[in-house]
C-alpha atoms as a PDB file:
ATOM      1  CA  MET A   1      20.834 -41.564  85.643  1.00  0.00           C
ATOM      2  CA  VAL A   2      19.172 -38.394  86.942  1.00  0.00           C
ATOM      3  CA  THR A   3      19.175 -37.848  90.705  1.00  0.00           C
ATOM      4  CA  ILE A   4      16.460 -36.395  92.911  1.00  0.00           C
ATOM      5  CA  GLU A   5      18.683 -33.393  93.610  1.00  0.00           C
ATOM      6  CA  GLU A   6      19.093 -32.773  89.879  1.00  0.00           C
ATOM      7  CA  LEU A   7      15.314 -32.861  89.444  1.00  0.00           C
ATOM      8  CA  ARG A   8      14.904 -30.487  92.383  1.00  0.00           C
ATOM      9  CA  GLN A   9      17.207 -27.958  90.673  1.00  0.00           C
ATOM     10  CA  GLN A  10      15.250 -27.868  87.413  1.00  0.00           C
ATOM     11  CA  ALA A  11      12.901 -24.980  86.708  1.00  0.00           C
ATOM     12  CA  LEU A  12       9.871 -27.299  86.595  1.00  0.00           C
ATOM     13  CA  PRO A  13       7.121 -28.316  89.009  1.00  0.00           C
ATOM     14  CA  PHE A  14       8.634 -30.883  91.401  1.00  0.00           C
ATOM     15  CA  VAL A  15       7.183 -33.410  93.845  1.00  0.00           C
ATOM     16  CA  ALA A  16       8.996 -35.853  96.157  1.00  0.00           C
ATOM     17  CA  ALA A  17       7.666 -38.810  98.136  1.00  0.00           C
ATOM     18  CA  ASP A  18       8.905 -41.379 100.631  1.00  0.00           C
ATOM     19  CA  GLN A  19       9.127 -45.123 100.067  1.00  0.00           C
ATOM     20  CA  GLU A  20       5.424 -45.523 100.798  1.00  0.00           C
ATOM     21  CA  GLY A  21       4.495 -42.974  98.129  1.00  0.00           C
ATOM     22  CA  MET A  22       3.532 -40.316 100.659  1.00  0.00           C
ATOM     23  CA  ILE A  23       4.268 -36.781  99.507  1.00  0.00           C
ATOM     24  CA  GLU A  24       7.024 -35.005 101.424  1.00  0.00           C
ATOM     25  CA  GLU A  25       7.900 -32.028  99.251  1.00  0.00           C
ATOM     26  CA  ILE A  26       6.687 -29.848  96.399  1.00  0.00           C
ATOM     27  CA  ASN A  27       8.224 -26.686  94.997  1.00  0.00           C
ATOM     28  CA  ASP A  28       6.702 -23.270  94.334  1.00  0.00           C
ATOM     29  CA  LEU A  29       6.239 -24.054  90.630  1.00  0.00           C
ATOM     30  CA  PHE A  30       4.196 -27.142  91.479  1.00  0.00           C
ATOM     31  CA  GLN A  31       1.980 -24.979  93.667  1.00  0.00           C
ATOM     32  CA  SER A  32       1.556 -22.245  91.059  1.00  0.00           C
ATOM     33  CA  VAL A  33       0.768 -24.650  88.173  1.00  0.00           C
ATOM     34  CA  TYR A  34      -1.371 -27.256  89.952  1.00  0.00           C
ATOM     35  CA  GLY A  35      -2.748 -25.193  92.858  1.00  0.00           C
ATOM     36  CA  TRP A  36      -1.815 -27.586  95.661  1.00  0.00           C
ATOM     37  CA  THR A  37       0.121 -26.389  98.724  1.00  0.00           C
ATOM     38  CA  LEU A  38       2.496 -28.520 100.730  1.00  0.00           C
ATOM     39  CA  GLU A  39      -0.003 -28.375 103.585  1.00  0.00           C
ATOM     40  CA  ASP A  40      -2.616 -29.924 101.235  1.00  0.00           C
ATOM     41  CA  LEU A  41      -0.345 -32.767 100.143  1.00  0.00           C
ATOM     42  CA  ARG A  42       2.216 -33.542 102.881  1.00  0.00           C
ATOM     43  CA  GLY A  43       1.648 -37.094 104.090  1.00  0.00           C
ATOM     44  CA  GLN A  44      -0.902 -37.807 101.349  1.00  0.00           C
ATOM     45  CA  SER A  45      -0.515 -40.491  98.688  1.00  0.00           C
ATOM     46  CA  LEU A  46       0.873 -39.495  95.310  1.00  0.00           C
ATOM     47  CA  SER A  47      -2.389 -40.825  93.928  1.00  0.00           C
ATOM     48  CA  MET A  48      -4.053 -37.552  95.046  1.00  0.00           C
ATOM     49  CA  ILE A  49      -2.523 -35.846  92.014  1.00  0.00           C
ATOM     50  CA  LEU A  50      -3.467 -38.658  89.614  1.00  0.00           C
ATOM     51  CA  PRO A  51      -6.797 -39.177  87.857  1.00  0.00           C
ATOM     52  CA  ALA A  52      -9.034 -41.818  89.454  1.00  0.00           C
ATOM     53  CA  SER A  53      -8.741 -43.956  86.312  1.00  0.00           C
ATOM     54  CA  PHE A  54      -4.974 -44.260  86.848  1.00  0.00           C
ATOM     55  CA  GLN A  55      -4.849 -44.726  90.636  1.00  0.00           C
ATOM     56  CA  ASP A  56      -5.199 -48.541  90.651  1.00  0.00           C
ATOM     57  CA  ALA A  57      -2.405 -48.929  88.081  1.00  0.00           C
ATOM     58  CA  HIS A  58      -0.253 -46.558  90.135  1.00  0.00           C
ATOM     59  CA  HIS A  59      -0.786 -48.580  93.323  1.00  0.00           C
ATOM     60  CA  LEU A  60      -0.061 -51.870  91.535  1.00  0.00           C
ATOM     61  CA  GLY A  61       3.107 -50.521  89.935  1.00  0.00           C
ATOM     62  CA  PHE A  62       4.278 -48.993  93.183  1.00  0.00           C
ATOM     63  CA  SER A  63       3.706 -52.280  95.047  1.00  0.00           C
ATOM     64  CA  ARG A  64       5.484 -54.234  92.318  1.00  0.00           C
ATOM     65  CA  PHE A  65       8.491 -51.910  92.569  1.00  0.00           C
ATOM     66  CA  GLN A  66       8.577 -52.345  96.357  1.00  0.00           C
ATOM     67  CA  ILE A  67       8.681 -56.130  95.933  1.00  0.00           C
ATOM     68  CA  ILE A  68      11.085 -56.600  93.015  1.00  0.00           C
ATOM     69  CA  GLY A  69      12.873 -53.243  92.746  1.00  0.00           C
ATOM     70  CA  GLU A  70      12.216 -52.843  89.029  1.00  0.00           C
ATOM     71  CA  SER A  71      10.068 -50.387  87.118  1.00  0.00           C
ATOM     72  CA  GLN A  72       9.184 -49.697  83.522  1.00  0.00           C
ATOM     73  CA  ILE A  73       8.336 -46.038  84.135  1.00  0.00           C
ATOM     74  CA  LEU A  74      11.429 -44.620  85.822  1.00  0.00           C
ATOM     75  CA  ASN A  75      13.965 -42.357  84.136  1.00  0.00           C
ATOM     76  CA  HIS A  76      12.107 -41.507  80.961  1.00  0.00           C
ATOM     77  CA  PRO A  77       9.321 -39.041  80.155  1.00  0.00           C
ATOM     78  CA  LEU A  78       5.716 -40.175  80.493  1.00  0.00           C
ATOM     79  CA  GLU A  79       2.689 -38.278  79.283  1.00  0.00           C
ATOM     80  CA  LEU A  80       0.069 -38.416  82.039  1.00  0.00           C
ATOM     81  CA  MET A  81      -2.731 -36.303  83.383  1.00  0.00           C
ATOM     82  CA  THR A  82      -2.185 -34.447  86.657  1.00  0.00           C
ATOM     83  CA  VAL A  83      -5.082 -33.491  88.916  1.00  0.00           C
ATOM     84  CA  CYS A  84      -5.099 -29.890  90.131  1.00  0.00           C
ATOM     85  CA  LYS A  85      -6.473 -28.785  93.479  1.00  0.00           C
ATOM     86  CA  ASP A  86      -9.549 -27.395  91.684  1.00  0.00           C
ATOM     87  CA  HIS A  87     -10.097 -30.874  90.112  1.00  0.00           C
ATOM     88  CA  ARG A  88      -9.041 -29.833  86.601  1.00  0.00           C
ATOM     89  CA  GLU A  89      -6.765 -32.318  84.869  1.00  0.00           C
ATOM     90  CA  ILE A  90      -3.693 -31.025  83.052  1.00  0.00           C
ATOM     91  CA  ASN A  91      -1.810 -33.120  80.516  1.00  0.00           C
ATOM     92  CA  SER A  92       1.775 -33.227  81.816  1.00  0.00           C
ATOM     93  CA  GLU A  93       5.099 -34.852  81.061  1.00  0.00           C
ATOM     94  CA  HIS A  94       6.205 -36.702  84.201  1.00  0.00           C
ATOM     95  CA  PHE A  95       9.852 -37.637  84.683  1.00  0.00           C
ATOM     96  CA  ILE A  96      10.091 -39.959  87.688  1.00  0.00           C
ATOM     97  CA  VAL A  97      13.211 -41.159  89.497  1.00  0.00           C
ATOM     98  CA  ALA A  98      13.858 -43.432  92.477  1.00  0.00           C
ATOM     99  CA  GLU A  99      16.883 -43.427  94.756  1.00  0.00           C
ATOM    100  CA  ARG A 100      17.957 -45.996  97.276  1.00  0.00           C
ATOM    101  CA  ARG A 101      18.481 -44.384 100.696  1.00  0.00           C
ATOM    102  CA  GLY A 102      19.891 -47.026 102.983  1.00  0.00           C
ATOM    103  CA  ALA A 103      17.231 -49.716 103.330  1.00  0.00           C
ATOM    104  CA  SER A 104      14.463 -47.573 101.832  1.00  0.00           C
ATOM    105  CA  TRP A 105      13.620 -45.698  98.641  1.00  0.00           C
ATOM    106  CA  ALA A 106      12.833 -42.076  97.847  1.00  0.00           C
ATOM    107  CA  PHE A 107      10.888 -40.966  94.770  1.00  0.00           C
ATOM    108  CA  ALA A 108      10.622 -37.664  92.932  1.00  0.00           C
ATOM    109  CA  ALA A 109       9.293 -36.297  89.685  1.00  0.00           C
ATOM    110  CA  THR A 110       9.194 -33.207  87.587  1.00  0.00           C
ATOM    111  CA  LEU A 111       5.893 -32.456  85.860  1.00  0.00           C
ATOM    112  CA  ARG A 112       5.985 -30.326  82.725  1.00  0.00           C
ATOM    113  CA  PRO A 113       2.534 -29.064  81.652  1.00  0.00           C
ATOM    114  CA  LEU A 114       1.891 -29.852  77.988  1.00  0.00           C
ATOM    115  CA  PRO A 115      -0.165 -27.786  75.547  1.00  0.00           C
END
């Protein structure tokens, strides 16, 4: 299983969030590809970088994971759209992981822009 630290070390756009899905970290590649700065996103829901049509499904899946601790989307590539700061949507391959940290969870993903 891939760890958050392993994702962080990859040469890909990276985003990390706390157990509530609030963004805590992005890397320079995330900023250069998607236009967001950490100041734009810190403390904001991950749903800010997701298309409106996917936000409800994201919230439901996130809540389900919080309750039962299982997910169908972790640890394998997913093709999803990512919303840029300028409102463009870029087709991206998301690779999402979750790590238990004591009594809480941490989440992170790499996002590879697709042609």
